[in-house]
Amino acid sequence: MCEFVYDSNTVCPEPYCINVLRNPDTGQRLLMRKCGTLDECKRDWWDKTSDKVVCTSFYGNFSYTDAFECTYCCTTPNCNEDIHPAANTLYKE
């Protein structure tokens, strides 16, 4: 798995942490962790990802061979340490 992350424990200017997971059909994985905005959380997590079964049921120890992309937005300190943040930390409208 390839991964891009900020230096450890970056404090975000807004309370939104984002993980963008890209899984091509090769089974490799690209994970990008970053600070986010309310607009990104609404658009990329709530509107585009929160109802995708492959994203909401994602299990990091499983190798997926289908191509998909998920964006997770969570709102508590260090909530995006795992690829799929805990359900109780995810942004909700």
PDB file of N, CA and C in Angstrom:
ATOM      1  N   MET A   1       0.850  -1.174   0.000  1.00  0.00           N
ATOM      2  CA  MET A   1       0.000   0.000   0.000  1.00  0.00           C
ATOM      3  C   MET A   1       0.890   1.229   0.000  1.00  0.00           C
ATOM      4  N   CYS A   2       0.573   2.171  -0.851  1.00  0.00           N
ATOM      5  CA  CYS A   2       1.265   3.455  -0.878  1.00  0.00           C
ATOM      6  C   CYS A   2       0.478   4.419  -0.022  1.00  0.00           C
ATOM      7  N   GLU A   3       1.165   5.296   0.639  1.00  0.00           N
ATOM      8  CA  GLU A   3       0.462   6.177   1.557  1.00  0.00           C
ATOM      9  C   GLU A   3       1.109   7.550   1.572  1.00  0.00           C
ATOM     10  N   PHE A   4       0.289   8.584   1.590  1.00  0.00           N
ATOM     11  CA  PHE A   4       0.753   9.956   1.767  1.00  0.00           C
ATOM     12  C   PHE A   4       0.129  10.465   3.048  1.00  0.00           C
ATOM     13  N   VAL A   5       0.945  10.951   3.962  1.00  0.00           N
ATOM     14  CA  VAL A   5       0.404  11.463   5.221  1.00  0.00           C
ATOM     15  C   VAL A   5       1.117  12.754   5.594  1.00  0.00           C
ATOM     16  N   TYR A   6       0.432  13.577   6.362  1.00  0.00           N
ATOM     17  CA  TYR A   6       1.089  14.733   6.965  1.00  0.00           C
ATOM     18  C   TYR A   6       2.054  14.235   8.025  1.00  0.00           C
ATOM     19  N   ASP A   7       2.956  15.116   8.458  1.00  0.00           N
ATOM     20  CA  ASP A   7       3.795  14.759   9.593  1.00  0.00           C
ATOM     21  C   ASP A   7       2.887  14.327  10.729  1.00  0.00           C
ATOM     22  N   SER A   8       3.416  13.520  11.617  1.00  0.00           N
ATOM     23  CA  SER A   8       2.586  12.956  12.682  1.00  0.00           C
ATOM     24  C   SER A   8       1.841  14.034  13.458  1.00  0.00           C
ATOM     25  N   ASN A   9       0.573  13.749  13.709  1.00  0.00           N
ATOM     26  CA  ASN A   9      -0.296  14.574  14.549  1.00  0.00           C
ATOM     27  C   ASN A   9      -0.364  16.040  14.126  1.00  0.00           C
ATOM     28  N   THR A  10      -0.614  16.270  12.860  1.00  0.00           N
ATOM     29  CA  THR A  10      -0.851  17.623  12.375  1.00  0.00           C
ATOM     30  C   THR A  10      -2.165  18.128  12.946  1.00  0.00           C
ATOM     31  N   VAL A  11      -2.178  19.342  13.437  1.00  0.00           N
ATOM     32  CA  VAL A  11      -3.414  19.939  13.944  1.00  0.00           C
ATOM     33  C   VAL A  11      -4.085  20.662  12.781  1.00  0.00           C
ATOM     34  N   CYS A  12      -5.292  20.238  12.467  1.00  0.00           N
ATOM     35  CA  CYS A  12      -6.021  20.840  11.350  1.00  0.00           C
ATOM     36  C   CYS A  12      -6.652  22.157  11.790  1.00  0.00           C
ATOM     37  N   PRO A  13      -6.717  23.141  10.889  1.00  0.00           N
ATOM     38  CA  PRO A  13      -7.318  24.426  11.245  1.00  0.00           C
ATOM     39  C   PRO A  13      -8.832  24.328  11.456  1.00  0.00           C
ATOM     40  N   GLU A  14      -9.484  23.342  10.849  1.00  0.00           N
ATOM     41  CA  GLU A  14     -10.909  23.079  11.070  1.00  0.00           C
ATOM     42  C   GLU A  14     -11.017  21.647  11.594  1.00  0.00           C
ATOM     43  N   PRO A  15     -12.118  21.282  12.249  1.00  0.00           N
ATOM     44  CA  PRO A  15     -12.195  19.962  12.893  1.00  0.00           C
ATOM     45  C   PRO A  15     -12.568  18.831  11.935  1.00  0.00           C
ATOM     46  N   TYR A  16     -11.976  18.826  10.725  1.00  0.00           N
ATOM     47  CA  TYR A  16     -12.324  17.810   9.739  1.00  0.00           C
ATOM     48  C   TYR A  16     -11.064  17.111   9.242  1.00  0.00           C
ATOM     49  N   CYS A  17     -11.013  15.804   9.444  1.00  0.00           N
ATOM     50  CA  CYS A  17      -9.906  14.983   8.964  1.00  0.00           C
ATOM     51  C   CYS A  17     -10.433  14.120   7.824  1.00  0.00           C
ATOM     52  N   ILE A  18      -9.664  14.013   6.755  1.00  0.00           N
ATOM     53  CA  ILE A  18     -10.114  13.286   5.571  1.00  0.00           C
ATOM     54  C   ILE A  18      -9.108  12.206   5.194  1.00  0.00           C
ATOM     55  N   ASN A  19      -9.644  11.031   4.867  1.00  0.00           N
ATOM     56  CA  ASN A  19      -8.879   9.962   4.239  1.00  0.00           C
ATOM     57  C   ASN A  19      -9.467   9.737   2.857  1.00  0.00           C
ATOM     58  N   VAL A  20      -8.616   9.752   1.845  1.00  0.00           N
ATOM     59  CA  VAL A  20      -9.038   9.417   0.487  1.00  0.00           C
ATOM     60  C   VAL A  20      -8.381   8.090   0.142  1.00  0.00           C
ATOM     61  N   LEU A  21      -9.198   7.092  -0.112  1.00  0.00           N
ATOM     62  CA  LEU A  21      -8.731   5.748  -0.440  1.00  0.00           C
ATOM     63  C   LEU A  21      -9.009   5.482  -1.912  1.00  0.00           C
ATOM     64  N   ARG A  22      -7.952   5.170  -2.654  1.00  0.00           N
ATOM     65  CA  ARG A  22      -8.112   4.774  -4.060  1.00  0.00           C
ATOM     66  C   ARG A  22      -7.649   3.331  -4.184  1.00  0.00           C
ATOM     67  N   ASN A  23      -8.521   2.496  -4.721  1.00  0.00           N
ATOM     68  CA  ASN A  23      -8.224   1.077  -4.878  1.00  0.00           C
ATOM     69  C   ASN A  23      -8.413   0.700  -6.354  1.00  0.00           C
ATOM     70  N   PRO A  24      -7.323   0.657  -7.142  1.00  0.00           N
ATOM     71  CA  PRO A  24      -7.474   0.231  -8.536  1.00  0.00           C
ATOM     72  C   PRO A  24      -7.725  -1.277  -8.610  1.00  0.00           C
ATOM     73  N   ASP A  25      -8.066  -1.782  -9.784  1.00  0.00           N
ATOM     74  CA  ASP A  25      -8.379  -3.205  -9.912  1.00  0.00           C
ATOM     75  C   ASP A  25      -7.154  -4.108  -9.796  1.00  0.00           C
ATOM     76  N   THR A  26      -5.986  -3.526  -9.566  1.00  0.00           N
ATOM     77  CA  THR A  26      -4.766  -4.316  -9.362  1.00  0.00           C
ATOM     78  C   THR A  26      -4.650  -4.831  -7.932  1.00  0.00           C
ATOM     79  N   GLY A  27      -5.493  -4.324  -7.031  1.00  0.00           N
ATOM     80  CA  GLY A  27      -5.418  -4.727  -5.633  1.00  0.00           C
ATOM     81  C   GLY A  27      -4.488  -3.858  -4.812  1.00  0.00           C
ATOM     82  N   GLN A  28      -3.729  -2.968  -5.467  1.00  0.00           N
ATOM     83  CA  GLN A  28      -2.887  -2.036  -4.725  1.00  0.00           C
ATOM     84  C   GLN A  28      -3.774  -0.956  -4.143  1.00  0.00           C
ATOM     85  N   ARG A  29      -3.239  -0.210  -3.214  1.00  0.00           N
ATOM     86  CA  ARG A  29      -4.032   0.788  -2.512  1.00  0.00           C
ATOM     87  C   ARG A  29      -3.244   2.084  -2.373  1.00  0.00           C
ATOM     88  N   LEU A  30      -3.922   3.202  -2.541  1.00  0.00           N
ATOM     89  CA  LEU A  30      -3.320   4.509  -2.286  1.00  0.00           C
ATOM     90  C   LEU A  30      -4.183   5.194  -1.243  1.00  0.00           C
ATOM     91  N   LEU A  31      -3.564   5.617  -0.165  1.00  0.00           N
ATOM     92  CA  LEU A  31      -4.280   6.307   0.903  1.00  0.00           C
ATOM     93  C   LEU A  31      -3.657   7.674   1.107  1.00  0.00           C
ATOM     94  N   MET A  32      -4.489   8.703   1.083  1.00  0.00           N
ATOM     95  CA  MET A  32      -4.021  10.054   1.365  1.00  0.00           C
ATOM     96  C   MET A  32      -4.789  10.572   2.574  1.00  0.00           C
ATOM     97  N   ARG A  33      -4.066  11.022   3.573  1.00  0.00           N
ATOM     98  CA  ARG A  33      -4.672  11.625   4.768  1.00  0.00           C
ATOM     99  C   ARG A  33      -4.423  13.125   4.702  1.00  0.00           C
ATOM    100  N   LYS A  34      -5.449  13.904   5.061  1.00  0.00           N
ATOM    101  CA  LYS A  34      -5.278  15.358   5.009  1.00  0.00           C
ATOM    102  C   LYS A  34      -6.310  16.040   5.892  1.00  0.00           C
ATOM    103  N   CYS A  35      -6.083  17.317   6.123  1.00  0.00           N
ATOM    104  CA  CYS A  35      -7.084  18.145   6.771  1.00  0.00           C
ATOM    105  C   CYS A  35      -8.132  18.499   5.728  1.00  0.00           C
ATOM    106  N   GLY A  36      -9.363  18.722   6.191  1.00  0.00           N
ATOM    107  CA  GLY A  36     -10.433  19.018   5.253  1.00  0.00           C
ATOM    108  C   GLY A  36     -11.253  20.217   5.672  1.00  0.00           C
ATOM    109  N   THR A  37     -12.261  20.491   4.864  1.00  0.00           N
ATOM    110  CA  THR A  37     -13.198  21.579   5.136  1.00  0.00           C
ATOM    111  C   THR A  37     -14.603  20.998   5.222  1.00  0.00           C
ATOM    112  N   LEU A  38     -15.519  21.780   5.739  1.00  0.00           N
ATOM    113  CA  LEU A  38     -16.909  21.352   5.806  1.00  0.00           C
ATOM    114  C   LEU A  38     -17.441  21.041   4.406  1.00  0.00           C
ATOM    115  N   ASP A  39     -17.106  21.878   3.432  1.00  0.00           N
ATOM    116  CA  ASP A  39     -17.568  21.642   2.059  1.00  0.00           C
ATOM    117  C   ASP A  39     -17.062  20.310   1.511  1.00  0.00           C
ATOM    118  N   GLU A  40     -15.780  19.983   1.760  1.00  0.00           N
ATOM    119  CA  GLU A  40     -15.238  18.699   1.307  1.00  0.00           C
ATOM    120  C   GLU A  40     -15.954  17.536   1.980  1.00  0.00           C
ATOM    121  N   CYS A  41     -16.214  17.682   3.273  1.00  0.00           N
ATOM    122  CA  CYS A  41     -16.894  16.609   4.000  1.00  0.00           C
ATOM    123  C   CYS A  41     -18.293  16.370   3.445  1.00  0.00           C
ATOM    124  N   LYS A  42     -19.015  17.449   3.200  1.00  0.00           N
ATOM    125  CA  LYS A  42     -20.372  17.314   2.649  1.00  0.00           C
ATOM    126  C   LYS A  42     -20.341  16.706   1.252  1.00  0.00           C
ATOM    127  N   ARG A  43     -19.480  17.233   0.401  1.00  0.00           N
ATOM    128  CA  ARG A  43     -19.451  16.807  -1.001  1.00  0.00           C
ATOM    129  C   ARG A  43     -18.846  15.410  -1.171  1.00  0.00           C
ATOM    130  N   ASP A  44     -17.628  15.220  -0.633  1.00  0.00           N
ATOM    131  CA  ASP A  44     -16.881  14.003  -0.942  1.00  0.00           C
ATOM    132  C   ASP A  44     -17.222  12.818  -0.045  1.00  0.00           C
ATOM    133  N   TRP A  45     -17.573  13.055   1.213  1.00  0.00           N
ATOM    134  CA  TRP A  45     -17.960  11.969   2.101  1.00  0.00           C
ATOM    135  C   TRP A  45     -19.476  11.795   2.119  1.00  0.00           C
ATOM    136  N   TRP A  46     -20.199  12.808   2.568  1.00  0.00           N
ATOM    137  CA  TRP A  46     -21.637  12.655   2.789  1.00  0.00           C
ATOM    138  C   TRP A  46     -22.399  12.403   1.485  1.00  0.00           C
ATOM    139  N   ASP A  47     -22.139  13.222   0.458  1.00  0.00           N
ATOM    140  CA  ASP A  47     -22.897  13.097  -0.790  1.00  0.00           C
ATOM    141  C   ASP A  47     -22.418  11.964  -1.699  1.00  0.00           C
ATOM    142  N   LYS A  48     -21.105  11.713  -1.752  1.00  0.00           N
ATOM    143  CA  LYS A  48     -20.566  10.765  -2.731  1.00  0.00           C
ATOM    144  C   LYS A  48     -20.180   9.400  -2.169  1.00  0.00           C
ATOM    145  N   THR A  49     -19.880   9.304  -0.880  1.00  0.00           N
ATOM    146  CA  THR A  49     -19.317   8.059  -0.360  1.00  0.00           C
ATOM    147  C   THR A  49     -20.149   7.394   0.722  1.00  0.00           C
ATOM    148  N   SER A  50     -20.822   8.159   1.557  1.00  0.00           N
ATOM    149  CA  SER A  50     -21.442   7.589   2.768  1.00  0.00           C
ATOM    150  C   SER A  50     -22.482   6.511   2.494  1.00  0.00           C
ATOM    151  N   ASP A  51     -22.983   6.430   1.262  1.00  0.00           N
ATOM    152  CA  ASP A  51     -23.962   5.384   0.948  1.00  0.00           C
ATOM    153  C   ASP A  51     -23.402   4.279   0.051  1.00  0.00           C
ATOM    154  N   LYS A  52     -22.094   4.282  -0.205  1.00  0.00           N
ATOM    155  CA  LYS A  52     -21.461   3.227  -1.006  1.00  0.00           C
ATOM    156  C   LYS A  52     -21.108   2.057  -0.093  1.00  0.00           C
ATOM    157  N   VAL A  53     -21.675   0.903  -0.360  1.00  0.00           N
ATOM    158  CA  VAL A  53     -21.447  -0.270   0.488  1.00  0.00           C
ATOM    159  C   VAL A  53     -19.969  -0.645   0.540  1.00  0.00           C
ATOM    160  N   VAL A  54     -19.274  -0.588  -0.601  1.00  0.00           N
ATOM    161  CA  VAL A  54     -17.862  -0.962  -0.608  1.00  0.00           C
ATOM    162  C   VAL A  54     -17.048  -0.062   0.327  1.00  0.00           C
ATOM    163  N   CYS A  55     -17.490   1.173   0.514  1.00  0.00           N
ATOM    164  CA  CYS A  55     -16.776   2.113   1.383  1.00  0.00           C
ATOM    165  C   CYS A  55     -17.190   1.963   2.843  1.00  0.00           C
ATOM    166  N   THR A  56     -18.485   1.833   3.085  1.00  0.00           N
ATOM    167  CA  THR A  56     -18.954   1.753   4.470  1.00  0.00           C
ATOM    168  C   THR A  56     -18.615   0.418   5.112  1.00  0.00           C
ATOM    169  N   SER A  57     -18.395  -0.614   4.299  1.00  0.00           N
ATOM    170  CA  SER A  57     -18.044  -1.922   4.857  1.00  0.00           C
ATOM    171  C   SER A  57     -16.586  -2.279   4.595  1.00  0.00           C
ATOM    172  N   PHE A  58     -15.770  -1.286   4.217  1.00  0.00           N
ATOM    173  CA  PHE A  58     -14.365  -1.531   3.891  1.00  0.00           C
ATOM    174  C   PHE A  58     -13.629  -2.151   5.069  1.00  0.00           C
ATOM    175  N   TYR A  59     -12.838  -3.185   4.777  1.00  0.00           N
ATOM    176  CA  TYR A  59     -12.032  -3.872   5.786  1.00  0.00           C
ATOM    177  C   TYR A  59     -10.580  -3.837   5.320  1.00  0.00           C
ATOM    178  N   GLY A  60      -9.725  -3.178   6.075  1.00  0.00           N
ATOM    179  CA  GLY A  60      -8.349  -2.936   5.673  1.00  0.00           C
ATOM    180  C   GLY A  60      -7.473  -4.152   5.491  1.00  0.00           C
ATOM    181  N   ASN A  61      -7.795  -5.271   6.120  1.00  0.00           N
ATOM    182  CA  ASN A  61      -6.970  -6.470   6.003  1.00  0.00           C
ATOM    183  C   ASN A  61      -7.352  -7.335   4.809  1.00  0.00           C
ATOM    184  N   PHE A  62      -8.343  -6.910   4.046  1.00  0.00           N
ATOM    185  CA  PHE A  62      -8.810  -7.666   2.889  1.00  0.00           C
ATOM    186  C   PHE A  62      -8.246  -7.028   1.626  1.00  0.00           C
ATOM    187  N   SER A  63      -7.852  -7.846   0.647  1.00  0.00           N
ATOM    188  CA  SER A  63      -7.347  -7.328  -0.621  1.00  0.00           C
ATOM    189  C   SER A  63      -8.494  -7.267  -1.629  1.00  0.00           C
ATOM    190  N   TYR A  64      -8.835  -6.061  -2.055  1.00  0.00           N
ATOM    191  CA  TYR A  64      -9.931  -5.847  -2.999  1.00  0.00           C
ATOM    192  C   TYR A  64      -9.374  -5.787  -4.420  1.00  0.00           C
ATOM    193  N   THR A  65     -10.039  -6.435  -5.363  1.00  0.00           N
ATOM    194  CA  THR A  65      -9.579  -6.429  -6.754  1.00  0.00           C
ATOM    195  C   THR A  65     -10.504  -5.626  -7.667  1.00  0.00           C
ATOM    196  N   ASP A  66     -11.513  -4.988  -7.116  1.00  0.00           N
ATOM    197  CA  ASP A  66     -12.368  -4.082  -7.885  1.00  0.00           C
ATOM    198  C   ASP A  66     -11.851  -2.658  -7.715  1.00  0.00           C
ATOM    199  N   ALA A  67     -12.004  -1.859  -8.753  1.00  0.00           N
ATOM    200  CA  ALA A  67     -11.593  -0.458  -8.672  1.00  0.00           C
ATOM    201  C   ALA A  67     -12.687   0.355  -7.983  1.00  0.00           C
ATOM    202  N   PHE A  68     -12.279   1.150  -6.988  1.00  0.00           N
ATOM    203  CA  PHE A  68     -13.217   2.050  -6.315  1.00  0.00           C
ATOM    204  C   PHE A  68     -12.443   3.147  -5.608  1.00  0.00           C
ATOM    205  N   GLU A  69     -13.159   4.199  -5.227  1.00  0.00           N
ATOM    206  CA  GLU A  69     -12.573   5.295  -4.459  1.00  0.00           C
ATOM    207  C   GLU A  69     -13.538   5.675  -3.351  1.00  0.00           C
ATOM    208  N   CYS A  70     -13.001   5.891  -2.164  1.00  0.00           N
ATOM    209  CA  CYS A  70     -13.796   6.297  -1.006  1.00  0.00           C
ATOM    210  C   CYS A  70     -13.133   7.508  -0.362  1.00  0.00           C
ATOM    211  N   THR A  71     -13.944   8.441   0.077  1.00  0.00           N
ATOM    212  CA  THR A  71     -13.456   9.561   0.875  1.00  0.00           C
ATOM    213  C   THR A  71     -14.188   9.518   2.197  1.00  0.00           C
ATOM    214  N   TYR A  72     -13.432   9.481   3.284  1.00  0.00           N
ATOM    215  CA  TYR A  72     -14.002   9.472   4.631  1.00  0.00           C
ATOM    216  C   TYR A  72     -13.703  10.809   5.289  1.00  0.00           C
ATOM    217  N   CYS A  73     -14.650  11.344   6.026  1.00  0.00           N
ATOM    218  CA  CYS A  73     -14.441  12.578   6.773  1.00  0.00           C
ATOM    219  C   CYS A  73     -14.857  12.331   8.213  1.00  0.00           C
ATOM    220  N   CYS A  74     -13.952  12.588   9.131  1.00  0.00           N
ATOM    221  CA  CYS A  74     -14.259  12.401  10.546  1.00  0.00           C
ATOM    222  C   CYS A  74     -13.916  13.674  11.315  1.00  0.00           C
ATOM    223  N   THR A  75     -14.386  13.747  12.562  1.00  0.00           N
ATOM    224  CA  THR A  75     -14.393  15.046  13.249  1.00  0.00           C
ATOM    225  C   THR A  75     -13.812  15.044  14.661  1.00  0.00           C
ATOM    226  N   THR A  76     -13.059  14.029  15.022  1.00  0.00           N
ATOM    227  CA  THR A  76     -12.444  14.014  16.352  1.00  0.00           C
ATOM    228  C   THR A  76     -10.929  13.888  16.212  1.00  0.00           C
ATOM    229  N   PRO A  77     -10.161  14.283  17.223  1.00  0.00           N
ATOM    230  CA  PRO A  77      -8.704  14.209  17.123  1.00  0.00           C
ATOM    231  C   PRO A  77      -8.219  12.799  16.771  1.00  0.00           C
ATOM    232  N   ASN A  78      -7.313  12.730  15.817  1.00  0.00           N
ATOM    233  CA  ASN A  78      -6.687  11.479  15.366  1.00  0.00           C
ATOM    234  C   ASN A  78      -7.680  10.454  14.829  1.00  0.00           C
ATOM    235  N   CYS A  79      -8.862  10.897  14.435  1.00  0.00           N
ATOM    236  CA  CYS A  79      -9.899   9.960  13.992  1.00  0.00           C
ATOM    237  C   CYS A  79      -9.563   9.263  12.682  1.00  0.00           C
ATOM    238  N   ASN A  80      -8.639   9.795  11.902  1.00  0.00           N
ATOM    239  CA  ASN A  80      -8.339   9.164  10.619  1.00  0.00           C
ATOM    240  C   ASN A  80      -7.053   8.339  10.635  1.00  0.00           C
ATOM    241  N   GLU A  81      -6.682   7.842  11.800  1.00  0.00           N
ATOM    242  CA  GLU A  81      -5.521   6.951  11.878  1.00  0.00           C
ATOM    243  C   GLU A  81      -5.767   5.660  11.107  1.00  0.00           C
ATOM    244  N   ASP A  82      -6.974   5.102  11.227  1.00  0.00           N
ATOM    245  CA  ASP A  82      -7.335   3.913  10.457  1.00  0.00           C
ATOM    246  C   ASP A  82      -7.833   4.352   9.087  1.00  0.00           C
ATOM    247  N   ILE A  83      -7.727   3.469   8.100  1.00  0.00           N
ATOM    248  CA  ILE A  83      -8.206   3.804   6.759  1.00  0.00           C
ATOM    249  C   ILE A  83      -9.674   4.192   6.809  1.00  0.00           C
ATOM    250  N   HIS A  84     -10.472   3.356   7.446  1.00  0.00           N
ATOM    251  CA  HIS A  84     -11.921   3.600   7.601  1.00  0.00           C
ATOM    252  C   HIS A  84     -12.125   4.058   9.043  1.00  0.00           C
ATOM    253  N   PRO A  85     -12.340   5.346   9.275  1.00  0.00           N
ATOM    254  CA  PRO A  85     -12.517   5.842  10.644  1.00  0.00           C
ATOM    255  C   PRO A  85     -13.717   5.186  11.337  1.00  0.00           C
ATOM    256  N   ALA A  86     -13.670   5.146  12.641  1.00  0.00           N
ATOM    257  CA  ALA A  86     -14.769   4.577  13.430  1.00  0.00           C
ATOM    258  C   ALA A  86     -16.071   5.305  13.110  1.00  0.00           C
ATOM    259  N   ALA A  87     -17.157   4.559  13.063  1.00  0.00           N
ATOM    260  CA  ALA A  87     -18.463   5.113  12.677  1.00  0.00           C
ATOM    261  C   ALA A  87     -18.878   6.296  13.546  1.00  0.00           C
ATOM    262  N   ASN A  88     -18.572   6.238  14.836  1.00  0.00           N
ATOM    263  CA  ASN A  88     -19.002   7.322  15.734  1.00  0.00           C
ATOM    264  C   ASN A  88     -18.183   8.603  15.564  1.00  0.00           C
ATOM    265  N   THR A  89     -17.141   8.582  14.726  1.00  0.00           N
ATOM    266  CA  THR A  89     -16.339   9.784  14.471  1.00  0.00           C
ATOM    267  C   THR A  89     -16.631  10.400  13.109  1.00  0.00           C
ATOM    268  N   LEU A  90     -17.368   9.696  12.260  1.00  0.00           N
ATOM    269  CA  LEU A  90     -17.626  10.169  10.899  1.00  0.00           C
ATOM    270  C   LEU A  90     -18.576  11.365  10.885  1.00  0.00           C
ATOM    271  N   TYR A  91     -18.316  12.286   9.972  1.00  0.00           N
ATOM    272  CA  TYR A  91     -19.173  13.461   9.799  1.00  0.00           C
ATOM    273  C   TYR A  91     -20.586  13.019   9.432  1.00  0.00           C
ATOM    274  N   LYS A  92     -21.576  13.670  10.044  1.00  0.00           N
ATOM    275  CA  LYS A  92     -22.991  13.426   9.733  1.00  0.00           C
ATOM    276  C   LYS A  92     -23.685  14.769   9.598  1.00  0.00           C
ATOM    277  N   GLU A  93     -24.691  14.819   8.737  1.00  0.00           N
ATOM    278  CA  GLU A  93     -25.480  16.054   8.602  1.00  0.00           C
ATOM    279  C   GLU A  93     -26.640  16.018   9.563  1.00  0.00           C
TER     280      GLU A  93
END
